[in-house]
Amino acid sequence: MSEDHSADRARLLNLVPVDGSAVGNVTLIRQLGWSDKRYWYARDYLLEEGVLVRAKGGGGAVRRAHVDDSGTTAETATAKDIGEITRAYVHETDLYEPLQDTLKDSWARERYAKPPLAVEITASQGSKATGGRWTRPDLVAVAVRTYRYLPGKYLEVVTFEVKPSDAITVTAVYEALAHLRSATHAYVIYHVPYDSAESVKQVIDEARRVGRTHGVGIITMGDPAKWETWEELEEARRVEPDPERLDEFIAVQLRRDAQEDVLRALR
């Protein structure tokens, strides 16, 4: 006999504001006192049933469906919430591995019902011919999605252009935009430590405007290893690249075992 989790779902839902405002996943986990696994199981069920919808906020957030769709944003995690000022990352390459781990775990859990097929660091490929600097993303995530009312399987290839705290420019959005010739979604991830957020606010606002215009997603994070410091400011829009380019991108950018996983998932 399968275990009944309805009590957990009701308890979680009771903590989500009835006025449609958003509440962060981290806040809910703390209030409930649950393990991450227990929370995500209940939350994902409510999302799949259309009772809750995702919202913006540090570490991700949810709000009730079927209320005023005002896009209310949950409060972003602050240094006080986190309990410490996020440590400095000296070089962009220092960000890659903790970003990869968080993308595989928390980011993917927020976005997909099943784990992604691959999340790979693609920035450092030496002299390998990948089509030029602006066509080589820093990280790539690949997943296959299915939908309740739509037939078939949908391949997602999501690219990430990473910028450290001393290289936050709008140019990064155009670099990410170039990735959309061969991918379905593109994001820029800016490293914005808590104590430098105000000084880069104007640049981030401009990057959001440009990203919104071109369908490029914008993510900021205070610490790549701490999901509660991440915030998706602009969601990447799906595009349909030329199939030949997408196929070539997978062949060039992904490791052989990841390519095999894609083939198996699409059968």
Protein backbone atom coordinates (compact mmCIF):
# COMPACT_ATOMS: atom_id res chain seq x y z
CA MET A 1 0.00 0.00 0.00
CA SER A 2 1.46 3.38 -1.00
CA GLU A 3 2.11 5.95 1.73
CA ASP A 4 -0.40 8.78 2.02
CA HIS A 5 1.34 12.18 1.80
CA SER A 6 -1.83 14.26 1.70
CA ALA A 7 -1.25 15.61 5.21
CA ASP A 8 2.15 16.94 4.18
CA ARG A 9 0.70 18.60 1.11
CA ALA A 10 -2.07 20.23 3.14
CA ARG A 11 0.39 21.49 5.74
CA LEU A 12 2.67 22.98 3.10
CA LEU A 13 -0.21 24.62 1.26
CA ASN A 14 -1.45 26.14 4.51
CA LEU A 15 1.81 28.13 4.75
CA VAL A 16 1.50 29.63 1.24
CA PRO A 17 -0.26 33.04 1.39
CA VAL A 18 -3.84 33.01 0.12
CA ASP A 19 -3.45 36.47 -1.43
CA GLY A 20 -1.17 35.15 -4.17
CA SER A 21 2.06 36.59 -2.79
CA ALA A 22 5.14 34.40 -3.04
CA VAL A 23 7.06 32.60 -0.33
CA GLY A 24 10.55 31.16 -0.70
CA ASN A 25 11.33 27.45 -0.69
CA VAL A 26 14.05 28.00 1.93
CA THR A 27 11.57 29.84 4.18
CA LEU A 28 9.01 27.04 3.85
CA ILE A 29 11.54 24.32 4.63
CA ARG A 30 12.59 26.20 7.76
CA GLN A 31 9.00 26.78 8.88
CA LEU A 32 8.03 23.16 8.32
CA GLY A 33 11.19 21.74 9.84
CA TRP A 34 11.32 19.09 7.14
CA SER A 35 14.15 17.46 5.25
CA ASP A 36 14.74 18.78 1.74
CA LYS A 37 13.53 15.48 0.26
CA ARG A 38 10.24 15.60 2.15
CA TYR A 39 9.60 19.21 1.15
CA TRP A 40 10.40 18.79 -2.55
CA TYR A 41 8.20 15.69 -2.77
CA ALA A 42 5.16 17.57 -1.44
CA ARG A 43 5.94 20.78 -3.36
CA ASP A 44 6.42 19.01 -6.69
CA TYR A 45 3.09 17.22 -6.34
CA LEU A 46 1.30 20.55 -5.73
CA LEU A 47 3.05 22.05 -8.77
CA GLU A 48 2.09 19.13 -11.01
CA GLU A 49 -1.52 19.38 -9.87
CA GLY A 50 -1.61 23.09 -10.66
CA VAL A 51 -2.30 24.08 -7.04
CA LEU A 52 0.98 26.02 -6.77
CA VAL A 53 3.10 27.79 -9.37
CA ARG A 54 6.73 28.80 -9.32
CA ALA A 55 7.64 32.38 -8.41
CA LYS A 56 10.80 34.45 -8.31
CA GLY A 57 12.88 34.65 -5.16
CA GLY A 58 16.22 33.71 -3.67
CA GLY A 59 16.43 29.91 -3.73
CA GLY A 60 13.21 29.76 -5.72
CA ALA A 61 9.70 30.40 -4.48
CA VAL A 62 6.07 29.36 -4.93
CA ARG A 63 2.67 31.00 -4.79
CA ARG A 64 -0.90 29.82 -5.12
CA ALA A 65 -2.36 29.40 -8.59
CA HIS A 66 -5.65 30.90 -9.71
CA VAL A 67 -5.22 34.21 -7.91
CA ASP A 68 -4.12 37.64 -9.10
CA ASP A 69 -1.16 36.98 -11.39
CA SER A 70 0.81 40.03 -10.36
CA GLY A 71 4.19 38.35 -10.44
CA THR A 72 4.86 39.17 -6.80
CA THR A 73 8.47 38.44 -5.97
CA ALA A 74 9.49 36.67 -2.80
CA GLU A 75 12.01 38.42 -0.60
CA THR A 76 15.55 37.64 -1.67
CA ALA A 77 17.82 35.99 0.86
CA THR A 78 20.09 38.49 2.59
CA ALA A 79 23.34 38.12 4.48
CA LYS A 80 21.31 38.05 7.69
CA ASP A 81 19.23 35.13 6.41
CA ILE A 82 22.27 33.23 5.25
CA GLY A 83 24.16 33.90 8.45
CA GLU A 84 27.38 35.05 6.81
CA ILE A 85 28.78 37.24 4.06
CA THR A 86 29.43 35.02 1.04
CA ARG A 87 33.06 34.32 0.44
CA ALA A 88 34.94 35.84 -2.47
CA TYR A 89 35.74 33.89 -5.63
CA VAL A 90 38.91 35.29 -7.14
CA HIS A 91 38.65 33.91 -10.69
CA GLU A 92 35.73 33.04 -12.94
CA THR A 93 36.97 29.46 -13.13
CA ASP A 94 36.61 29.19 -9.34
CA LEU A 95 32.85 29.51 -9.85
CA TYR A 96 32.40 26.67 -12.32
CA GLU A 97 32.47 23.58 -10.10
CA PRO A 98 30.18 24.91 -7.32
CA LEU A 99 27.84 26.26 -10.01
CA GLN A 100 27.79 22.85 -11.69
CA ASP A 101 26.91 21.17 -8.38
CA THR A 102 24.08 23.62 -7.62
CA LEU A 103 22.72 23.40 -11.16
CA LYS A 104 22.67 19.59 -10.94
CA ASP A 105 20.93 19.64 -7.58
CA SER A 106 18.80 22.62 -6.54
CA TRP A 107 18.35 24.39 -9.89
CA ALA A 108 17.41 21.17 -11.69
CA ARG A 109 15.11 20.09 -8.86
CA GLU A 110 13.31 23.43 -9.15
CA ARG A 111 12.93 23.12 -12.93
CA TYR A 112 12.52 19.45 -13.78
CA ALA A 113 10.49 16.51 -12.50
CA LYS A 114 13.46 14.21 -13.20
CA PRO A 115 17.23 14.82 -12.95
CA PRO A 116 18.81 16.36 -16.07
CA LEU A 117 20.72 14.12 -18.45
CA ALA A 118 23.84 16.23 -18.05
CA VAL A 119 25.21 19.41 -16.51
CA GLU A 120 28.67 20.01 -17.89
CA ILE A 121 31.42 22.61 -17.68
CA THR A 122 32.13 23.48 -21.30
CA ALA A 123 34.28 26.62 -20.92
CA SER A 124 37.64 24.85 -20.80
CA GLN A 125 37.97 22.70 -23.88
CA GLY A 126 41.46 23.73 -24.88
CA SER A 127 42.05 23.96 -28.62
CA LYS A 128 38.97 21.90 -29.44
CA ALA A 129 37.05 23.49 -32.32
CA THR A 130 33.72 24.61 -30.82
CA GLY A 131 32.83 27.43 -33.18
CA GLY A 132 34.43 30.42 -31.47
CA ARG A 133 34.40 32.13 -28.07
CA TRP A 134 30.84 33.46 -28.27
CA THR A 135 29.45 30.07 -29.26
CA ARG A 136 31.11 28.24 -26.37
CA PRO A 137 29.08 28.58 -23.15
CA ASP A 138 30.63 28.15 -19.72
CA LEU A 139 28.17 25.46 -18.63
CA VAL A 140 25.42 23.46 -20.34
CA ALA A 141 22.45 21.56 -18.94
CA VAL A 142 20.55 19.01 -21.02
CA ALA A 143 17.19 17.48 -20.17
CA VAL A 144 14.21 15.82 -21.82
CA ARG A 145 10.79 17.02 -20.69
CA THR A 146 7.32 15.59 -21.16
CA TYR A 147 4.01 17.31 -20.55
CA ARG A 148 0.64 16.08 -19.37
CA TYR A 149 -1.38 17.26 -22.36
CA LEU A 150 1.25 17.29 -25.11
CA PRO A 151 2.49 14.22 -26.97
CA GLY A 152 6.14 13.42 -27.45
CA LYS A 153 9.38 14.41 -25.76
CA TYR A 154 10.96 17.87 -25.71
CA LEU A 155 14.73 18.29 -25.63
CA GLU A 156 16.07 21.23 -23.63
CA VAL A 157 19.64 22.43 -24.06
CA VAL A 158 20.26 25.27 -21.62
CA THR A 159 23.46 27.32 -21.74
CA PHE A 160 25.00 29.46 -19.01
CA GLU A 161 27.37 32.40 -19.45
CA VAL A 162 29.11 33.08 -16.12
CA LYS A 163 30.46 36.44 -15.01
CA PRO A 164 32.38 37.02 -11.76
CA SER A 165 31.78 40.04 -9.54
CA ASP A 166 34.53 42.10 -11.20
CA ALA A 167 33.24 41.51 -14.76
CA ILE A 168 29.54 42.34 -14.57
CA THR A 169 28.61 43.93 -17.89
CA VAL A 170 25.64 43.96 -20.26
CA THR A 171 27.92 42.43 -22.92
CA ALA A 172 27.42 39.08 -21.21
CA VAL A 173 23.78 39.09 -22.36
CA TYR A 174 24.88 39.37 -25.98
CA GLU A 175 27.35 36.53 -25.47
CA ALA A 176 24.51 34.39 -24.14
CA LEU A 177 22.29 35.49 -27.01
CA ALA A 178 24.81 34.02 -29.46
CA HIS A 179 24.29 30.63 -27.80
CA LEU A 180 20.65 30.60 -28.90
CA ARG A 181 21.73 29.79 -32.43
CA SER A 182 22.38 26.27 -31.13
CA ALA A 183 20.44 25.92 -27.84
CA THR A 184 16.86 26.16 -26.62
CA HIS A 185 17.50 28.45 -23.62
CA ALA A 186 20.31 30.78 -22.58
CA TYR A 187 21.12 32.32 -19.21
CA VAL A 188 23.68 34.73 -17.79
CA ILE A 189 24.76 34.01 -14.22
CA TYR A 190 26.25 37.01 -12.42
CA HIS A 191 28.20 36.55 -9.20
CA VAL A 192 26.92 39.36 -6.97
CA PRO A 193 28.17 39.09 -3.37
CA TYR A 194 25.84 40.70 -0.86
CA ASP A 195 28.21 43.59 -0.09
CA SER A 196 28.50 44.60 -3.77
CA ALA A 197 24.86 44.32 -4.80
CA GLU A 198 24.13 48.04 -4.62
CA SER A 199 27.16 49.06 -6.68
CA VAL A 200 26.15 46.87 -9.65
CA LYS A 201 22.41 47.43 -9.45
CA GLN A 202 22.29 49.79 -12.45
CA VAL A 203 24.21 47.36 -14.67
CA ILE A 204 22.03 44.43 -13.56
CA ASP A 205 18.88 46.43 -14.29
CA GLU A 206 20.14 47.19 -17.80
CA ALA A 207 21.11 43.54 -18.31
CA ARG A 208 17.59 42.55 -17.29
CA ARG A 209 16.10 44.95 -19.82
CA VAL A 210 18.27 43.62 -22.64
CA GLY A 211 17.72 40.02 -21.56
CA ARG A 212 13.96 40.50 -21.47
CA THR A 213 14.04 41.94 -24.98
CA HIS A 214 15.98 39.03 -26.43
CA GLY A 215 14.70 36.14 -24.30
CA VAL A 216 17.94 35.64 -22.36
CA GLY A 217 17.51 34.68 -18.71
CA ILE A 218 19.31 36.53 -15.92
CA ILE A 219 20.38 34.87 -12.67
CA THR A 220 22.29 36.46 -9.80
CA MET A 221 23.87 34.56 -6.95
CA GLY A 222 25.85 35.57 -3.89
CA ASP A 223 27.58 32.22 -3.48
CA PRO A 224 27.52 29.59 -6.24
CA ALA A 225 27.31 26.81 -3.66
CA LYS A 226 24.38 28.29 -1.70
CA TRP A 227 21.06 27.93 -3.51
CA GLU A 228 19.34 30.36 -1.14
CA THR A 229 21.51 33.17 -2.56
CA TRP A 230 20.40 32.50 -6.15
CA GLU A 231 17.65 34.54 -7.79
CA GLU A 232 16.25 34.22 -11.29
CA LEU A 233 15.54 37.82 -12.26
CA GLU A 234 14.49 37.06 -15.83
CA GLU A 235 13.33 33.69 -17.14
CA ALA A 236 14.89 32.46 -20.37
CA ARG A 237 12.42 31.99 -23.22
CA ARG A 238 12.50 28.80 -25.21
CA VAL A 239 13.54 29.08 -28.84
CA GLU A 240 13.71 26.45 -31.54
CA PRO A 241 17.20 26.53 -33.08
CA ASP A 242 18.00 25.02 -36.41
CA PRO A 243 17.97 21.23 -35.84
CA GLU A 244 21.31 20.80 -37.58
CA ARG A 245 22.94 23.39 -35.33
CA LEU A 246 21.42 21.82 -32.20
CA ASP A 247 22.61 18.38 -33.24
CA GLU A 248 26.11 19.69 -33.91
CA PHE A 249 26.16 21.53 -30.58
CA ILE A 250 25.44 18.29 -28.71
CA ALA A 251 28.09 16.46 -30.74
CA VAL A 252 30.74 19.10 -30.07
CA GLN A 253 30.01 20.36 -26.56
CA LEU A 254 28.98 17.25 -24.63
CA ARG A 255 31.00 14.28 -23.49
CA ARG A 256 30.39 10.97 -25.22
CA ASP A 257 28.51 9.41 -22.30
CA ALA A 258 26.18 12.42 -22.13
CA GLN A 259 25.51 12.10 -25.87
CA GLU A 260 24.57 8.47 -25.34
CA ASP A 261 22.20 9.47 -22.51
CA VAL A 262 20.47 11.92 -24.83
CA LEU A 263 20.04 9.24 -27.49
CA ARG A 264 18.54 6.80 -24.99
CA ALA A 265 16.19 9.40 -23.49
CA LEU A 266 14.78 10.36 -26.89
CA ARG A 267 14.06 6.81 -28.06
